C-alpha atoms as a PDB file:
ATOM      1  CA  MET A   1     -53.593 -91.040  17.383  1.00  0.00           C
ATOM      2  CA  ILE A   2     -56.275 -88.822  15.887  1.00  0.00           C
ATOM      3  CA  GLU A   3     -59.044 -88.288  18.403  1.00  0.00           C
ATOM      4  CA  LYS A   4     -61.221 -85.738  16.653  1.00  0.00           C
ATOM      5  CA  THR A   5     -61.633 -84.371  13.135  1.00  0.00           C
ATOM      6  CA  GLN A   6     -63.866 -81.767  11.498  1.00  0.00           C
ATOM      7  CA  THR A   7     -64.522 -81.254   7.821  1.00  0.00           C
ATOM      8  CA  LEU A   8     -64.991 -77.800   6.316  1.00  0.00           C
ATOM      9  CA  ILE A   9     -66.078 -77.459   2.687  1.00  0.00           C
ATOM     10  CA  VAL A  10     -64.965 -74.261   0.953  1.00  0.00           C
ATOM     11  CA  ILE A  11     -67.812 -72.457  -0.810  1.00  0.00           C
ATOM     12  CA  SER A  12     -65.989 -69.237  -1.697  1.00  0.00           C
ATOM     13  CA  GLU A  13     -62.205 -69.044  -1.845  1.00  0.00           C
ATOM     14  CA  GLY A  14     -60.270 -65.975  -0.827  1.00  0.00           C
ATOM     15  CA  LYS A  15     -56.886 -65.118  -2.284  1.00  0.00           C
ATOM     16  CA  SER A  16     -54.223 -67.834  -2.248  1.00  0.00           C
ATOM     17  CA  PHE A  17     -51.423 -67.430   0.256  1.00  0.00           C
ATOM     18  CA  THR A  18     -47.772 -68.115  -0.438  1.00  0.00           C
ATOM     19  CA  GLU A  19     -46.276 -67.922   3.056  1.00  0.00           C
ATOM     20  CA  GLU A  20     -46.962 -70.297   5.910  1.00  0.00           C
ATOM     21  CA  PRO A  21     -49.680 -68.979   8.208  1.00  0.00           C
ATOM     22  CA  TYR A  22     -48.976 -68.408  11.901  1.00  0.00           C
ATOM     23  CA  ALA A  23     -52.574 -69.242  12.822  1.00  0.00           C
ATOM     24  CA  PHE A  24     -56.035 -69.941  11.488  1.00  0.00           C
ATOM     25  CA  LEU A  25     -59.077 -68.054  12.727  1.00  0.00           C
ATOM     26  CA  PHE A  26     -62.444 -69.770  12.556  1.00  0.00           C
ATOM     27  CA  LEU A  27     -65.206 -67.169  12.457  1.00  0.00           C
ATOM     28  CA  ASN A  28     -68.976 -67.164  12.776  1.00  0.00           C
ATOM     29  CA  THR A  29     -71.323 -64.709  11.101  1.00  0.00           C
ATOM     30  CA  GLN A  30     -74.782 -64.633   9.534  1.00  0.00           C
ATOM     31  CA  PRO A  31     -75.039 -66.116   6.010  1.00  0.00           C
ATOM     32  CA  ARG A  32     -76.189 -62.792   4.568  1.00  0.00           C
ATOM     33  CA  ASN A  33     -72.914 -61.192   5.769  1.00  0.00           C
ATOM     34  CA  LEU A  34     -70.450 -63.783   4.435  1.00  0.00           C
ATOM     35  CA  GLU A  35     -69.287 -61.805   1.419  1.00  0.00           C
ATOM     36  CA  GLN A  36     -68.842 -58.574   3.408  1.00  0.00           C
ATOM     37  CA  VAL A  37     -66.872 -60.330   6.162  1.00  0.00           C
ATOM     38  CA  GLN A  38     -64.656 -62.052   3.598  1.00  0.00           C
ATOM     39  CA  GLN A  39     -63.945 -58.779   1.770  1.00  0.00           C
ATOM     40  CA  GLN A  40     -63.238 -56.863   4.989  1.00  0.00           C
ATOM     41  CA  LEU A  41     -60.853 -59.572   6.199  1.00  0.00           C
ATOM     42  CA  GLN A  42     -58.956 -59.622   2.914  1.00  0.00           C
ATOM     43  CA  SER A  43     -58.332 -55.869   3.195  1.00  0.00           C
ATOM     44  CA  ILE A  44     -56.246 -56.402   6.366  1.00  0.00           C
ATOM     45  CA  PRO A  45     -52.548 -56.798   5.416  1.00  0.00           C
ATOM     46  CA  LYS A  46     -51.763 -59.636   7.876  1.00  0.00           C
ATOM     47  CA  VAL A  47     -54.675 -61.736   6.608  1.00  0.00           C
ATOM     48  CA  LEU A  48     -53.285 -64.244   4.117  1.00  0.00           C
ATOM     49  CA  SER A  49     -56.628 -65.682   3.019  1.00  0.00           C
ATOM     50  CA  ALA A  50     -60.297 -65.704   4.009  1.00  0.00           C
ATOM     51  CA  ASP A  51     -62.497 -68.530   2.724  1.00  0.00           C
ATOM     52  CA  THR A  52     -66.195 -69.022   3.387  1.00  0.00           C
ATOM     53  CA  VAL A  53     -66.975 -72.607   4.349  1.00  0.00           C
ATOM     54  CA  PHE A  54     -69.739 -75.057   5.212  1.00  0.00           C
ATOM     55  CA  GLY A  55     -69.383 -76.596   8.668  1.00  0.00           C
ATOM     56  CA  PRO A  56     -69.428 -75.390  12.264  1.00  0.00           C
ATOM     57  CA  TYR A  57     -67.810 -72.102  11.184  1.00  0.00           C
ATOM     58  CA  ASP A  58     -68.633 -69.678   8.387  1.00  0.00           C
ATOM     59  CA  VAL A  59     -65.187 -68.308   7.503  1.00  0.00           C
ATOM     60  CA  ILE A  60     -61.692 -69.735   7.892  1.00  0.00           C
ATOM     61  CA  CYS A  61     -58.963 -67.122   7.855  1.00  0.00           C
ATOM     62  CA  ALA A  62     -55.193 -67.723   7.587  1.00  0.00           C
ATOM     63  CA  VAL A  63     -53.119 -64.995   9.245  1.00  0.00           C
ATOM     64  CA  ARG A  64     -49.465 -64.144   9.750  1.00  0.00           C
ATOM     65  CA  ALA A  65     -48.041 -62.812  12.995  1.00  0.00           C
ATOM     66  CA  SER A  66     -44.557 -62.501  14.450  1.00  0.00           C
ATOM     67  CA  ASP A  67     -45.472 -63.955  17.866  1.00  0.00           C
ATOM     68  CA  LYS A  68     -48.380 -64.573  20.235  1.00  0.00           C
ATOM     69  CA  ASP A  69     -48.622 -60.896  21.224  1.00  0.00           C
ATOM     70  CA  ASP A  70     -48.778 -59.848  17.580  1.00  0.00           C
ATOM     71  CA  LEU A  71     -51.466 -62.490  17.009  1.00  0.00           C
ATOM     72  CA  LYS A  72     -53.441 -61.215  20.001  1.00  0.00           C
ATOM     73  CA  GLN A  73     -53.343 -57.663  18.591  1.00  0.00           C
ATOM     74  CA  LEU A  74     -54.377 -58.911  15.147  1.00  0.00           C
ATOM     75  CA  VAL A  75     -57.349 -60.854  16.515  1.00  0.00           C
ATOM     76  CA  SER A  76     -58.389 -57.776  18.502  1.00  0.00           C
ATOM     77  CA  GLN A  77     -58.075 -55.630  15.354  1.00  0.00           C
ATOM     78  CA  ILE A  78     -60.210 -58.068  13.364  1.00  0.00           C
ATOM     79  CA  GLN A  79     -62.886 -58.167  16.064  1.00  0.00           C
ATOM     80  CA  LYS A  80     -63.015 -54.356  16.152  1.00  0.00           C
ATOM     81  CA  GLU A  81     -62.755 -53.571  12.420  1.00  0.00           C
ATOM     82  CA  VAL A  82     -64.648 -56.393  10.723  1.00  0.00           C
ATOM     83  CA  GLN A  83     -68.377 -55.957  11.089  1.00  0.00           C
ATOM     84  CA  TYR A  84     -70.774 -58.846  11.659  1.00  0.00           C
ATOM     85  CA  ILE A  85     -68.354 -61.290  13.329  1.00  0.00           C
ATOM     86  CA  GLN A  86     -70.238 -63.107  16.068  1.00  0.00           C
ATOM     87  CA  GLY A  87     -67.467 -65.329  17.387  1.00  0.00           C
ATOM     88  CA  THR A  88     -63.894 -66.479  16.776  1.00  0.00           C
ATOM     89  CA  VAL A  89     -61.759 -69.506  17.534  1.00  0.00           C
ATOM     90  CA  THR A  90     -57.986 -69.278  17.000  1.00  0.00           C
ATOM     91  CA  ALA A  91     -55.662 -72.202  16.201  1.00  0.00           C
ATOM     92  CA  ILE A  92     -51.899 -71.559  16.126  1.00  0.00           C
ATOM     93  CA  VAL A  93     -50.072 -73.658  13.513  1.00  0.00           C
ATOM     94  CA  ALA A  94     -48.148 -76.367  15.391  1.00  0.00           C
ATOM     95  CA  SER A  95     -45.161 -76.480  13.007  1.00  0.00           C
ATOM     96  CA  LEU A  96     -43.959 -73.222  14.589  1.00  0.00           C
ATOM     97  CA  TYR A  97     -42.992 -75.029  17.807  1.00  0.00           C
END
């Protein structure tokens, strides 16, 4: 049974990804920083895609990782290296379990 849904509308697509993501990061930033955040994210090798969206978040980012520890390090790297991120929510893709 579906208990909750959210709709995100893509306003600026990042690169397409060909491998299945390990997780999705939902990021918040200021509207004036959307393009910079998207470009900085896409320069990180483990980021598969970074799309700016309308909805409760500003950017949705697909990432690859080998395990939860690798994901934790990647999220930490993103928070340190990508300027203007104000908050993150991480969702691990369920098909991995």
